[in-house]
Structure formats: structure tokens, C-alpha cells
Amino acid sequence: MPLTEEQFTILRAIADARPVGSDAATWAVKEGLAVQAEDADIDLTPHGRDMLASQPAR
């Protein structure tokens, strides 16, 4: 299923190291698009980076 604009916004925020809400972080981790460390740092997985890169330029 394609990602929504809101979901791409979450991925961009994670990639840019901007804060995201706990629900957004949980969604990204459950989808395998991000990983979260014990200290609450979050980063995109390779799959998450690929999904973000697949978004057409705006």
C-alpha cells in the first residue's frame, strides 16, 4: 500500500532528526521503516530510506 503524504512527512522528519510524536514513531517502527534505540533516538532503516527516496520530488 502506498504511503500517505502524512506518512512521508513522518519519514522526512525522522531522516532530518526532527522530533516526531510517539504514535508516529511507533507506526514507523512497526512498518519496518525506522528503528528506535533505548535512548529514544530514531533513525530510518534502509527500507525507510528507500521509501523516502521513492517519493516524487515536490
N, C-alpha and C. Protein backbone atom coordinates (compact mmCIF):
# COMPACT_ATOMS: atom_id res chain seq x y z
N MET A 1 0.85 -1.17 0.00
CA MET A 1 0.00 0.00 0.00
C MET A 1 0.89 1.24 0.00
N PRO A 2 0.59 2.21 -0.86
CA PRO A 2 1.42 3.42 -0.91
C PRO A 2 1.27 4.24 0.37
N LEU A 3 2.31 4.98 0.67
CA LEU A 3 2.29 5.82 1.86
C LEU A 3 1.54 7.11 1.59
N THR A 4 0.93 7.65 2.64
CA THR A 4 0.23 8.92 2.53
C THR A 4 1.23 10.07 2.66
N GLU A 5 0.79 11.25 2.33
CA GLU A 5 1.65 12.43 2.48
C GLU A 5 2.05 12.61 3.95
N GLU A 6 1.12 12.34 4.86
CA GLU A 6 1.43 12.45 6.29
C GLU A 6 2.53 11.46 6.68
N GLN A 7 2.46 10.25 6.15
CA GLN A 7 3.48 9.25 6.46
C GLN A 7 4.84 9.65 5.88
N PHE A 8 4.85 10.21 4.68
CA PHE A 8 6.11 10.71 4.12
C PHE A 8 6.66 11.85 4.98
N THR A 9 5.78 12.68 5.51
CA THR A 9 6.21 13.78 6.39
C THR A 9 6.90 13.21 7.62
N ILE A 10 6.37 12.13 8.17
CA ILE A 10 6.99 11.48 9.32
C ILE A 10 8.37 10.96 8.95
N LEU A 11 8.48 10.30 7.81
CA LEU A 11 9.78 9.77 7.39
C LEU A 11 10.78 10.90 7.16
N ARG A 12 10.34 12.00 6.55
CA ARG A 12 11.25 13.14 6.35
C ARG A 12 11.72 13.70 7.69
N ALA A 13 10.82 13.80 8.65
CA ALA A 13 11.18 14.31 9.97
C ALA A 13 12.22 13.40 10.63
N ILE A 14 12.02 12.10 10.54
CA ILE A 14 12.98 11.16 11.12
C ILE A 14 14.32 11.30 10.42
N ALA A 15 14.30 11.37 9.10
CA ALA A 15 15.55 11.49 8.34
C ALA A 15 16.29 12.78 8.68
N ASP A 16 15.55 13.84 8.97
CA ASP A 16 16.14 15.14 9.30
C ASP A 16 16.44 15.29 10.79
N ALA A 17 16.22 14.23 11.56
CA ALA A 17 16.45 14.23 13.02
C ALA A 17 15.58 15.26 13.73
N ARG A 18 14.37 15.48 13.19
CA ARG A 18 13.41 16.35 13.87
C ARG A 18 12.51 15.47 14.74
N PRO A 19 12.00 16.02 15.82
CA PRO A 19 11.15 15.22 16.71
C PRO A 19 9.87 14.75 16.02
N VAL A 20 9.46 13.55 16.36
CA VAL A 20 8.16 13.03 15.92
C VAL A 20 7.44 12.52 17.16
N GLY A 21 6.13 12.51 17.10
CA GLY A 21 5.34 12.03 18.22
C GLY A 21 5.50 10.53 18.42
N SER A 22 5.09 10.08 19.58
CA SER A 22 5.25 8.66 19.90
C SER A 22 4.42 7.77 18.98
N ASP A 23 3.22 8.22 18.60
CA ASP A 23 2.40 7.42 17.68
C ASP A 23 3.06 7.31 16.31
N ALA A 24 3.64 8.41 15.85
CA ALA A 24 4.33 8.41 14.55
C ALA A 24 5.54 7.50 14.60
N ALA A 25 6.30 7.58 15.68
CA ALA A 25 7.49 6.73 15.82
C ALA A 25 7.08 5.27 15.88
N THR A 26 6.04 4.96 16.63
CA THR A 26 5.57 3.58 16.74
C THR A 26 5.13 3.06 15.38
N TRP A 27 4.41 3.87 14.61
CA TRP A 27 3.98 3.46 13.27
C TRP A 27 5.19 3.11 12.41
N ALA A 28 6.18 4.02 12.37
CA ALA A 28 7.35 3.81 11.51
C ALA A 28 8.12 2.56 11.90
N VAL A 29 8.25 2.32 13.20
CA VAL A 29 8.98 1.13 13.66
C VAL A 29 8.19 -0.13 13.32
N LYS A 30 6.88 -0.13 13.58
CA LYS A 30 6.06 -1.31 13.28
C LYS A 30 6.06 -1.65 11.79
N GLU A 31 6.15 -0.64 10.95
CA GLU A 31 6.18 -0.85 9.50
C GLU A 31 7.56 -1.25 8.99
N GLY A 32 8.56 -1.25 9.88
CA GLY A 32 9.91 -1.60 9.47
C GLY A 32 10.64 -0.48 8.75
N LEU A 33 10.12 0.74 8.89
CA LEU A 33 10.71 1.89 8.21
C LEU A 33 11.70 2.64 9.09
N ALA A 34 11.68 2.36 10.39
CA ALA A 34 12.58 3.04 11.32
C ALA A 34 12.94 2.08 12.45
N VAL A 35 14.02 2.42 13.13
CA VAL A 35 14.44 1.69 14.33
C VAL A 35 14.60 2.71 15.44
N GLN A 36 14.27 2.28 16.65
CA GLN A 36 14.35 3.17 17.79
C GLN A 36 15.28 2.57 18.83
N ALA A 37 16.21 3.38 19.31
CA ALA A 37 17.16 2.95 20.33
C ALA A 37 16.55 3.14 21.72
N GLU A 38 17.20 2.55 22.71
CA GLU A 38 16.71 2.66 24.09
C GLU A 38 16.66 4.10 24.57
N ASP A 39 17.55 4.95 24.05
CA ASP A 39 17.56 6.35 24.48
C ASP A 39 16.58 7.20 23.68
N ALA A 40 15.68 6.56 22.95
CA ALA A 40 14.61 7.19 22.17
C ALA A 40 15.09 7.79 20.85
N ASP A 41 16.38 7.66 20.52
CA ASP A 41 16.82 8.07 19.19
C ASP A 41 16.12 7.19 18.16
N ILE A 42 15.77 7.79 17.04
CA ILE A 42 15.09 7.04 15.98
C ILE A 42 15.79 7.35 14.66
N ASP A 43 15.89 6.35 13.82
CA ASP A 43 16.53 6.53 12.51
C ASP A 43 15.81 5.64 11.51
N LEU A 44 15.88 6.03 10.25
CA LEU A 44 15.27 5.21 9.20
C LEU A 44 16.08 3.95 8.96
N THR A 45 15.38 2.88 8.65
CA THR A 45 16.03 1.66 8.19
C THR A 45 16.37 1.84 6.71
N PRO A 46 17.14 0.94 6.14
CA PRO A 46 17.37 1.02 4.69
C PRO A 46 16.05 1.03 3.91
N HIS A 47 15.09 0.23 4.35
CA HIS A 47 13.78 0.21 3.69
C HIS A 47 13.09 1.58 3.80
N GLY A 48 13.18 2.19 4.98
CA GLY A 48 12.59 3.52 5.17
C GLY A 48 13.26 4.56 4.28
N ARG A 49 14.58 4.49 4.16
CA ARG A 49 15.29 5.42 3.27
C ARG A 49 14.88 5.20 1.81
N ASP A 50 14.72 3.93 1.43
CA ASP A 50 14.28 3.62 0.06
C ASP A 50 12.88 4.17 -0.20
N MET A 51 11.99 4.01 0.77
CA MET A 51 10.62 4.52 0.61
C MET A 51 10.63 6.04 0.47
N LEU A 52 11.43 6.71 1.28
CA LEU A 52 11.52 8.16 1.22
C LEU A 52 12.10 8.60 -0.12
N ALA A 53 13.11 7.90 -0.59
CA ALA A 53 13.74 8.23 -1.87
C ALA A 53 12.81 7.99 -3.05
N SER A 54 11.83 7.10 -2.88
CA SER A 54 10.92 6.78 -3.98
C SER A 54 9.84 7.84 -4.17
N GLN A 55 9.72 8.74 -3.20
CA GLN A 55 8.70 9.77 -3.31
C GLN A 55 9.10 10.77 -4.39
N PRO A 56 8.17 11.08 -5.29
CA PRO A 56 8.50 12.07 -6.33
C PRO A 56 8.84 13.41 -5.70
N ALA A 57 9.75 14.12 -6.33
CA ALA A 57 10.13 15.44 -5.84
C ALA A 57 8.92 16.36 -5.86
N ARG A 58 8.86 17.23 -4.85
CA ARG A 58 7.73 18.13 -4.82
C ARG A 58 8.14 19.52 -5.20
